[in-house]
Amino acid sequence: MNITSVRLLTVPVSDQDAAKDFYAGTLGFEVVRDQAMGPVRWLQLAPAAR
């Protein structure tokens, strides 16, 4: 079996603001969701739509 795509990938980071700056600012990803959920934060980015 070959993997041909990835739908969702979780990447734990120690600094979500720095990760957001890198993925959105440097790689051009779009912020899909940036939501506080109690003491944690859900940050979701995706490659920019073409």
N, C-alpha and C. Protein backbone atom coordinates (compact mmCIF):
# COMPACT_ATOMS: atom_id res chain seq x y z
N MET A 1 0.85 -1.18 0.00
CA MET A 1 0.00 0.00 0.00
C MET A 1 0.89 1.24 0.00
N ASN A 2 0.58 2.20 -0.85
CA ASN A 2 1.31 3.46 -0.93
C ASN A 2 0.48 4.58 -0.34
N ILE A 3 1.11 5.46 0.39
CA ILE A 3 0.44 6.65 0.89
C ILE A 3 0.50 7.71 -0.20
N THR A 4 -0.66 8.21 -0.61
CA THR A 4 -0.71 9.19 -1.70
C THR A 4 -1.15 10.57 -1.25
N SER A 5 -1.64 10.68 -0.01
CA SER A 5 -2.04 12.00 0.49
C SER A 5 -2.12 11.97 2.01
N VAL A 6 -2.12 13.14 2.60
CA VAL A 6 -2.27 13.30 4.04
C VAL A 6 -3.44 14.24 4.27
N ARG A 7 -4.40 13.83 5.08
CA ARG A 7 -5.57 14.65 5.34
C ARG A 7 -5.37 15.53 6.57
N LEU A 8 -4.76 14.98 7.61
CA LEU A 8 -4.55 15.71 8.85
C LEU A 8 -3.27 15.21 9.50
N LEU A 9 -2.45 16.14 9.95
CA LEU A 9 -1.20 15.80 10.60
C LEU A 9 -1.06 16.67 11.82
N THR A 10 -0.84 16.06 12.97
CA THR A 10 -0.67 16.79 14.21
C THR A 10 0.83 16.97 14.48
N VAL A 11 1.23 18.22 14.74
CA VAL A 11 2.62 18.52 15.03
C VAL A 11 2.66 19.25 16.37
N PRO A 12 3.03 18.55 17.45
CA PRO A 12 3.13 19.22 18.76
C PRO A 12 4.28 20.24 18.73
N VAL A 13 4.00 21.43 19.25
CA VAL A 13 5.02 22.49 19.32
C VAL A 13 4.99 23.12 20.70
N SER A 14 6.10 23.71 21.11
CA SER A 14 6.15 24.36 22.41
C SER A 14 5.74 25.82 22.33
N ASP A 15 5.75 26.41 21.14
CA ASP A 15 5.39 27.82 20.97
C ASP A 15 4.47 27.94 19.75
N GLN A 16 3.17 27.99 19.98
CA GLN A 16 2.22 28.03 18.87
C GLN A 16 2.30 29.33 18.07
N ASP A 17 2.61 30.43 18.72
CA ASP A 17 2.74 31.69 17.98
C ASP A 17 3.89 31.63 16.99
N ALA A 18 5.02 31.07 17.41
CA ALA A 18 6.17 30.93 16.51
C ALA A 18 5.85 29.95 15.38
N ALA A 19 5.15 28.87 15.70
CA ALA A 19 4.76 27.90 14.67
C ALA A 19 3.81 28.55 13.67
N LYS A 20 2.86 29.32 14.15
CA LYS A 20 1.91 30.01 13.27
C LYS A 20 2.65 30.99 12.36
N ASP A 21 3.58 31.74 12.91
CA ASP A 21 4.38 32.68 12.11
C ASP A 21 5.16 31.94 11.02
N PHE A 22 5.74 30.80 11.37
CA PHE A 22 6.52 30.04 10.39
C PHE A 22 5.64 29.46 9.29
N TYR A 23 4.61 28.73 9.67
CA TYR A 23 3.78 28.06 8.67
C TYR A 23 2.98 29.05 7.83
N ALA A 24 2.45 30.10 8.44
CA ALA A 24 1.66 31.08 7.69
C ALA A 24 2.58 32.09 6.99
N GLY A 25 3.52 32.65 7.73
CA GLY A 25 4.37 33.71 7.17
C GLY A 25 5.43 33.21 6.21
N THR A 26 6.12 32.14 6.59
CA THR A 26 7.23 31.64 5.78
C THR A 26 6.77 30.68 4.68
N LEU A 27 5.91 29.74 5.03
CA LEU A 27 5.49 28.74 4.05
C LEU A 27 4.22 29.11 3.30
N GLY A 28 3.53 30.15 3.75
CA GLY A 28 2.34 30.62 3.03
C GLY A 28 1.08 29.84 3.30
N PHE A 29 1.05 29.06 4.39
CA PHE A 29 -0.17 28.33 4.73
C PHE A 29 -1.25 29.31 5.17
N GLU A 30 -2.51 28.89 5.04
CA GLU A 30 -3.64 29.70 5.50
C GLU A 30 -4.08 29.21 6.87
N VAL A 31 -4.45 30.15 7.75
CA VAL A 31 -4.97 29.78 9.06
C VAL A 31 -6.42 29.34 8.89
N VAL A 32 -6.70 28.10 9.22
CA VAL A 32 -8.04 27.54 9.13
C VAL A 32 -8.80 27.79 10.42
N ARG A 33 -8.11 27.57 11.55
CA ARG A 33 -8.73 27.77 12.85
C ARG A 33 -7.67 28.16 13.86
N ASP A 34 -8.00 29.14 14.67
CA ASP A 34 -7.14 29.56 15.78
C ASP A 34 -8.10 29.87 16.92
N GLN A 35 -8.32 28.88 17.77
CA GLN A 35 -9.39 28.97 18.76
C GLN A 35 -8.90 28.53 20.13
N ALA A 36 -9.17 29.36 21.13
CA ALA A 36 -8.89 28.99 22.51
C ALA A 36 -9.97 28.01 22.97
N MET A 37 -9.53 26.95 23.62
CA MET A 37 -10.44 25.94 24.13
C MET A 37 -10.10 25.69 25.60
N GLY A 38 -10.57 26.61 26.46
CA GLY A 38 -10.20 26.52 27.86
C GLY A 38 -8.72 26.83 28.01
N PRO A 39 -7.98 25.96 28.68
CA PRO A 39 -6.55 26.22 28.88
C PRO A 39 -5.68 25.85 27.68
N VAL A 40 -6.26 25.28 26.63
CA VAL A 40 -5.48 24.90 25.46
C VAL A 40 -5.94 25.70 24.24
N ARG A 41 -5.21 25.57 23.18
CA ARG A 41 -5.50 26.32 21.96
C ARG A 41 -5.46 25.37 20.77
N TRP A 42 -6.45 25.46 19.89
CA TRP A 42 -6.50 24.67 18.67
C TRP A 42 -6.06 25.56 17.53
N LEU A 43 -4.94 25.23 16.91
CA LEU A 43 -4.40 25.99 15.80
C LEU A 43 -4.31 25.07 14.60
N GLN A 44 -5.00 25.40 13.54
CA GLN A 44 -5.03 24.57 12.35
C GLN A 44 -4.69 25.41 11.13
N LEU A 45 -3.71 24.96 10.36
CA LEU A 45 -3.30 25.64 9.13
C LEU A 45 -3.34 24.65 7.99
N ALA A 46 -3.45 25.16 6.78
CA ALA A 46 -3.48 24.31 5.59
C ALA A 46 -2.76 25.03 4.45
N PRO A 47 -2.22 24.25 3.53
CA PRO A 47 -1.60 24.89 2.36
C PRO A 47 -2.63 25.79 1.67
N ALA A 48 -2.17 26.89 1.14
CA ALA A 48 -3.06 27.85 0.47
C ALA A 48 -3.75 27.17 -0.71
N ALA A 49 -5.02 27.47 -0.89
CA ALA A 49 -5.77 26.92 -2.02
C ALA A 49 -5.23 27.52 -3.31
N ARG A 50 -5.17 26.72 -4.34
CA ARG A 50 -4.63 27.19 -5.62
C ARG A 50 -5.73 27.63 -6.52
